[in-house]
Amino acid sequence: MLGVQLRAKHVSDHQLIVWGRELRILTQTAGQIMTVNRRPDVAQIVGADGVHLPELGLPPTSLRKQWPSLGLVGVSRHDRGGLETAARDRASYAFLSPIFEVPGKLPEVGIHGFRAAIANVGIPTYALGGIRSEDLPALLAAGAFGVAIRRAIYGADQPKRALECFIRALDKSLTNGK
């Protein structure tokens, strides 16, 4: 299943809600999940499926007490300790990053580091950071629940074609290469 996270740090609350409502219509029509980055209030207003929290944000347990209607509470993490904490705090899923080199980010985890970090943690974990479509088979084999991509699409000369490459690679990986 595909999903979309609304992440727009530098826009007004009004603009975030306008975009959120438009995006919610698109994701519902497509039968896909939508989360809002950092803002449970906006997630609730626009009818999102949940919220995604940064590593230094509120813990999922606190957020669930204040916003019980939000079904999904995702988190960003950078190491095994962060994933273990997320699992204890009842996060719905986690993004572990960066898997590969990303300018201005922490040192890369790599595929073997990803595999070690998620082993027996008990939380669905998506790989994020510097991922290319050709990396999907190895990441899924390492135990990734899926991948989260941003720069690979938005930074592409042809974003639609880049997304299609990811979808084809994912489909191929999930059908064992057939």
C-alpha atoms as a PDB file:
ATOM      1  CA  MET A   1       0.000   0.000   0.000  1.00  0.00           C
ATOM      2  CA  LEU A   2       1.184   3.469  -0.801  1.00  0.00           C
ATOM      3  CA  GLY A   3       0.810   6.341   1.581  1.00  0.00           C
ATOM      4  CA  VAL A   4       1.507  10.052   1.649  1.00  0.00           C
ATOM      5  CA  GLN A   5       2.855  12.199   4.435  1.00  0.00           C
ATOM      6  CA  LEU A   6       1.968  15.890   4.316  1.00  0.00           C
ATOM      7  CA  ARG A   7       5.149  17.642   5.361  1.00  0.00           C
ATOM      8  CA  ALA A   8       5.291  21.397   4.850  1.00  0.00           C
ATOM      9  CA  LYS A   9       7.238  23.000   7.677  1.00  0.00           C
ATOM     10  CA  HIS A  10       7.272  26.569   6.450  1.00  0.00           C
ATOM     11  CA  VAL A  11       3.693  27.295   5.452  1.00  0.00           C
ATOM     12  CA  SER A  12       0.874  28.918   7.355  1.00  0.00           C
ATOM     13  CA  ASP A  13      -1.611  26.822   9.302  1.00  0.00           C
ATOM     14  CA  HIS A  14      -4.290  27.896   6.834  1.00  0.00           C
ATOM     15  CA  GLN A  15      -2.253  26.713   3.829  1.00  0.00           C
ATOM     16  CA  LEU A  16      -1.405  23.437   5.567  1.00  0.00           C
ATOM     17  CA  ILE A  17      -5.107  22.754   6.143  1.00  0.00           C
ATOM     18  CA  VAL A  18      -6.015  23.667   2.544  1.00  0.00           C
ATOM     19  CA  TRP A  19      -3.356  21.305   1.192  1.00  0.00           C
ATOM     20  CA  GLY A  20      -4.318  18.669   3.759  1.00  0.00           C
ATOM     21  CA  ARG A  21      -7.951  18.688   2.692  1.00  0.00           C
ATOM     22  CA  GLU A  22      -6.999  18.454  -0.986  1.00  0.00           C
ATOM     23  CA  LEU A  23      -4.538  15.652  -0.300  1.00  0.00           C
ATOM     24  CA  ARG A  24      -7.077  13.788   1.839  1.00  0.00           C
ATOM     25  CA  ILE A  25      -9.543  13.749  -1.048  1.00  0.00           C
ATOM     26  CA  LEU A  26      -6.863  12.365  -3.383  1.00  0.00           C
ATOM     27  CA  THR A  27      -5.654   9.707  -0.940  1.00  0.00           C
ATOM     28  CA  GLN A  28      -9.164   8.585  -0.025  1.00  0.00           C
ATOM     29  CA  THR A  29     -10.117   8.345  -3.697  1.00  0.00           C
ATOM     30  CA  ALA A  30      -7.018   6.214  -4.306  1.00  0.00           C
ATOM     31  CA  GLY A  31      -7.635   4.133  -1.169  1.00  0.00           C
ATOM     32  CA  GLN A  32      -4.309   5.189   0.341  1.00  0.00           C
ATOM     33  CA  ILE A  33      -3.127   6.302   3.747  1.00  0.00           C
ATOM     34  CA  MET A  34      -2.343   9.892   4.644  1.00  0.00           C
ATOM     35  CA  THR A  35      -0.435  11.216   7.630  1.00  0.00           C
ATOM     36  CA  VAL A  36       0.502  14.737   8.641  1.00  0.00           C
ATOM     37  CA  ASN A  37       3.991  15.556   9.856  1.00  0.00           C
ATOM     38  CA  ARG A  38       4.182  16.834  13.465  1.00  0.00           C
ATOM     39  CA  ARG A  39       0.662  18.278  13.627  1.00  0.00           C
ATOM     40  CA  PRO A  40      -2.020  16.096  15.251  1.00  0.00           C
ATOM     41  CA  ASP A  41      -4.407  19.048  15.233  1.00  0.00           C
ATOM     42  CA  VAL A  42      -4.143  19.437  11.473  1.00  0.00           C
ATOM     43  CA  ALA A  43      -4.340  15.667  10.998  1.00  0.00           C
ATOM     44  CA  GLN A  44      -7.634  15.628  12.872  1.00  0.00           C
ATOM     45  CA  ILE A  45      -9.029  18.681  11.061  1.00  0.00           C
ATOM     46  CA  VAL A  46      -8.326  17.249   7.595  1.00  0.00           C
ATOM     47  CA  GLY A  47      -9.373  13.702   8.482  1.00  0.00           C
ATOM     48  CA  ALA A  48      -5.927  12.147   8.037  1.00  0.00           C
ATOM     49  CA  ASP A  49      -5.267   8.572   9.098  1.00  0.00           C
ATOM     50  CA  GLY A  50      -2.609   9.694  11.521  1.00  0.00           C
ATOM     51  CA  VAL A  51       0.398  11.784  12.361  1.00  0.00           C
ATOM     52  CA  HIS A  52       4.146  11.312  11.933  1.00  0.00           C
ATOM     53  CA  LEU A  53       6.423  12.505  14.735  1.00  0.00           C
ATOM     54  CA  PRO A  54      10.086  13.506  14.575  1.00  0.00           C
ATOM     55  CA  GLU A  55      12.574  11.767  16.854  1.00  0.00           C
ATOM     56  CA  LEU A  56      12.664  14.680  19.276  1.00  0.00           C
ATOM     57  CA  GLY A  57       8.892  15.181  19.168  1.00  0.00           C
ATOM     58  CA  LEU A  58       6.199  14.017  21.534  1.00  0.00           C
ATOM     59  CA  PRO A  59       6.282  10.336  22.441  1.00  0.00           C
ATOM     60  CA  PRO A  60       3.490   8.332  20.797  1.00  0.00           C
ATOM     61  CA  THR A  61       1.974   7.403  24.191  1.00  0.00           C
ATOM     62  CA  SER A  62       1.448  11.088  25.071  1.00  0.00           C
ATOM     63  CA  LEU A  63       0.005  11.860  21.684  1.00  0.00           C
ATOM     64  CA  ARG A  64      -2.403   8.903  21.841  1.00  0.00           C
ATOM     65  CA  LYS A  65      -3.763  10.175  25.175  1.00  0.00           C
ATOM     66  CA  GLN A  66      -4.463  13.646  23.776  1.00  0.00           C
ATOM     67  CA  TRP A  67      -5.580  12.579  20.264  1.00  0.00           C
ATOM     68  CA  PRO A  68      -7.192   9.131  20.588  1.00  0.00           C
ATOM     69  CA  SER A  69      -8.993   9.460  17.246  1.00  0.00           C
ATOM     70  CA  LEU A  70      -5.714   9.328  15.297  1.00  0.00           C
ATOM     71  CA  GLY A  71      -5.238   5.699  14.342  1.00  0.00           C
ATOM     72  CA  LEU A  72      -1.661   5.849  13.076  1.00  0.00           C
ATOM     73  CA  VAL A  73       1.221   7.369  14.986  1.00  0.00           C
ATOM     74  CA  GLY A  74       4.451   7.053  13.064  1.00  0.00           C
ATOM     75  CA  VAL A  75       7.910   8.121  14.166  1.00  0.00           C
ATOM     76  CA  SER A  76      11.296   8.913  12.669  1.00  0.00           C
ATOM     77  CA  ARG A  77      14.281   7.157  14.229  1.00  0.00           C
ATOM     78  CA  HIS A  78      18.005   6.882  13.554  1.00  0.00           C
ATOM     79  CA  ASP A  79      19.168   3.801  15.439  1.00  0.00           C
ATOM     80  CA  ARG A  80      18.103   0.604  17.173  1.00  0.00           C
ATOM     81  CA  GLY A  81      17.673   2.319  20.541  1.00  0.00           C
ATOM     82  CA  GLY A  82      15.238   4.774  18.967  1.00  0.00           C
ATOM     83  CA  LEU A  83      13.293   1.913  17.395  1.00  0.00           C
ATOM     84  CA  GLU A  84      13.106   0.056  20.710  1.00  0.00           C
ATOM     85  CA  THR A  85      11.767   3.182  22.404  1.00  0.00           C
ATOM     86  CA  ALA A  86       9.231   3.664  19.602  1.00  0.00           C
ATOM     87  CA  ALA A  87       8.008   0.082  20.041  1.00  0.00           C
ATOM     88  CA  ARG A  88       7.661   0.558  23.816  1.00  0.00           C
ATOM     89  CA  ASP A  89       5.806   3.831  23.198  1.00  0.00           C
ATOM     90  CA  ARG A  90       3.336   2.019  20.915  1.00  0.00           C
ATOM     91  CA  ALA A  91       4.225   3.748  17.664  1.00  0.00           C
ATOM     92  CA  SER A  92       2.354   2.278  14.699  1.00  0.00           C
ATOM     93  CA  TYR A  93       5.449   2.275  12.483  1.00  0.00           C
ATOM     94  CA  ALA A  94       8.884   3.882  12.175  1.00  0.00           C
ATOM     95  CA  PHE A  95      11.078   5.390   9.497  1.00  0.00           C
ATOM     96  CA  LEU A  96      14.755   4.508  10.025  1.00  0.00           C
ATOM     97  CA  SER A  97      17.185   6.866   8.339  1.00  0.00           C
ATOM     98  CA  PRO A  98      19.388   7.645   6.637  1.00  0.00           C
ATOM     99  CA  ILE A  99      19.991   4.312   4.968  1.00  0.00           C
ATOM    100  CA  PHE A 100      22.320   5.784   2.361  1.00  0.00           C
ATOM    101  CA  GLU A 101      24.151   9.086   2.122  1.00  0.00           C
ATOM    102  CA  VAL A 102      21.963  12.180   2.367  1.00  0.00           C
ATOM    103  CA  PRO A 103      23.585  15.624   2.340  1.00  0.00           C
ATOM    104  CA  GLY A 104      23.463  17.265   5.765  1.00  0.00           C
ATOM    105  CA  LYS A 105      22.156  14.175   7.586  1.00  0.00           C
ATOM    106  CA  LEU A 106      23.623  11.671  10.012  1.00  0.00           C
ATOM    107  CA  PRO A 107      26.044   9.002   8.783  1.00  0.00           C
ATOM    108  CA  GLU A 108      24.358   6.351   6.691  1.00  0.00           C
ATOM    109  CA  VAL A 109      23.112   3.142   8.295  1.00  0.00           C
ATOM    110  CA  GLY A 110      23.521   0.942   5.200  1.00  0.00           C
ATOM    111  CA  ILE A 111      21.582  -2.200   4.404  1.00  0.00           C
ATOM    112  CA  HIS A 112      23.420  -4.406   6.923  1.00  0.00           C
ATOM    113  CA  GLY A 113      22.998  -1.761   9.616  1.00  0.00           C
ATOM    114  CA  PHE A 114      19.316  -1.523   8.776  1.00  0.00           C
ATOM    115  CA  ARG A 115      18.907  -5.290   9.111  1.00  0.00           C
ATOM    116  CA  ALA A 116      20.674  -5.274  12.496  1.00  0.00           C
ATOM    117  CA  ALA A 117      18.728  -2.259  13.791  1.00  0.00           C
ATOM    118  CA  ILE A 118      15.294  -3.709  13.053  1.00  0.00           C
ATOM    119  CA  ALA A 119      15.980  -7.326  14.083  1.00  0.00           C
ATOM    120  CA  ASN A 120      13.320  -8.441  16.594  1.00  0.00           C
ATOM    121  CA  VAL A 121      12.305  -4.884  17.473  1.00  0.00           C
ATOM    122  CA  GLY A 122       8.647  -5.596  16.783  1.00  0.00           C
ATOM    123  CA  ILE A 123       7.641  -2.441  14.923  1.00  0.00           C
ATOM    124  CA  PRO A 124       7.053  -2.152  11.159  1.00  0.00           C
ATOM    125  CA  THR A 125      10.033  -0.149   9.907  1.00  0.00           C
ATOM    126  CA  TYR A 126      10.420   1.687   6.625  1.00  0.00           C
ATOM    127  CA  ALA A 127      13.817   2.515   5.148  1.00  0.00           C
ATOM    128  CA  LEU A 128      14.366   6.203   4.345  1.00  0.00           C
ATOM    129  CA  GLY A 129      17.212   8.262   3.012  1.00  0.00           C
ATOM    130  CA  GLY A 130      19.110   8.172  -0.264  1.00  0.00           C
ATOM    131  CA  ILE A 131      17.119   5.214  -1.567  1.00  0.00           C
ATOM    132  CA  ARG A 132      17.012   4.430  -5.281  1.00  0.00           C
ATOM    133  CA  SER A 133      14.542   2.086  -6.954  1.00  0.00           C
ATOM    134  CA  GLU A 134      17.286  -0.490  -7.511  1.00  0.00           C
ATOM    135  CA  ASP A 135      17.820  -0.649  -3.719  1.00  0.00           C
ATOM    136  CA  LEU A 136      14.316  -2.017  -3.068  1.00  0.00           C
ATOM    137  CA  PRO A 137      15.064  -5.757  -3.406  1.00  0.00           C
ATOM    138  CA  ALA A 138      17.968  -5.625  -0.946  1.00  0.00           C
ATOM    139  CA  LEU A 139      16.047  -3.484   1.559  1.00  0.00           C
ATOM    140  CA  LEU A 140      12.986  -5.715   1.460  1.00  0.00           C
ATOM    141  CA  ALA A 141      15.236  -8.779   1.834  1.00  0.00           C
ATOM    142  CA  ALA A 142      16.802  -7.068   4.878  1.00  0.00           C
ATOM    143  CA  GLY A 143      13.345  -6.882   6.476  1.00  0.00           C
ATOM    144  CA  ALA A 144      12.116  -3.419   5.507  1.00  0.00           C
ATOM    145  CA  PHE A 145       8.355  -3.137   5.833  1.00  0.00           C
ATOM    146  CA  GLY A 146       8.645  -0.734   2.920  1.00  0.00           C
ATOM    147  CA  VAL A 147      10.495   2.379   1.852  1.00  0.00           C
ATOM    148  CA  ALA A 148       9.793   6.050   2.303  1.00  0.00           C
ATOM    149  CA  ILE A 149      11.042   8.300  -0.461  1.00  0.00           C
ATOM    150  CA  ARG A 150      11.158  12.029  -0.912  1.00  0.00           C
ATOM    151  CA  ARG A 151      14.240  13.401  -2.672  1.00  0.00           C
ATOM    152  CA  ALA A 152      14.216  10.562  -5.245  1.00  0.00           C
ATOM    153  CA  ILE A 153      10.906  11.902  -6.530  1.00  0.00           C
ATOM    154  CA  TYR A 154      11.033  15.640  -5.873  1.00  0.00           C
ATOM    155  CA  GLY A 155      14.641  15.940  -7.008  1.00  0.00           C
ATOM    156  CA  ALA A 156      14.077  13.995 -10.226  1.00  0.00           C
ATOM    157  CA  ASP A 157      13.933  15.683 -13.611  1.00  0.00           C
ATOM    158  CA  GLN A 158      10.795  13.652 -14.290  1.00  0.00           C
ATOM    159  CA  PRO A 159       9.083  12.969 -10.934  1.00  0.00           C
ATOM    160  CA  LYS A 160       6.256  10.902 -12.430  1.00  0.00           C
ATOM    161  CA  ARG A 161       8.709   8.616 -14.209  1.00  0.00           C
ATOM    162  CA  ALA A 162      10.806   8.292 -11.034  1.00  0.00           C
ATOM    163  CA  LEU A 163       7.735   7.275  -9.032  1.00  0.00           C
ATOM    164  CA  GLU A 164       6.758   4.769 -11.702  1.00  0.00           C
ATOM    165  CA  CYS A 165      10.250   3.217 -11.470  1.00  0.00           C
ATOM    166  CA  PHE A 166       9.782   2.774  -7.710  1.00  0.00           C
ATOM    167  CA  ILE A 167       6.339   1.253  -8.153  1.00  0.00           C
ATOM    168  CA  ARG A 168       7.619  -1.197 -10.798  1.00  0.00           C
ATOM    169  CA  ALA A 169      10.578  -2.162  -8.611  1.00  0.00           C
ATOM    170  CA  LEU A 170       8.294  -2.664  -5.624  1.00  0.00           C
ATOM    171  CA  ASP A 171       5.820  -4.727  -7.635  1.00  0.00           C
ATOM    172  CA  LYS A 172       8.660  -6.850  -9.007  1.00  0.00           C
ATOM    173  CA  SER A 173      10.139  -7.359  -5.530  1.00  0.00           C
ATOM    174  CA  LEU A 174       6.801  -8.333  -4.037  1.00  0.00           C
ATOM    175  CA  THR A 175       6.103 -10.870  -6.770  1.00  0.00           C
ATOM    176  CA  ASN A 176       9.567 -12.444  -6.405  1.00  0.00           C
ATOM    177  CA  GLY A 177      10.886 -10.980  -9.632  1.00  0.00           C
ATOM    178  CA  LYS A 178       8.107 -12.255 -11.904  1.00  0.00           C
END
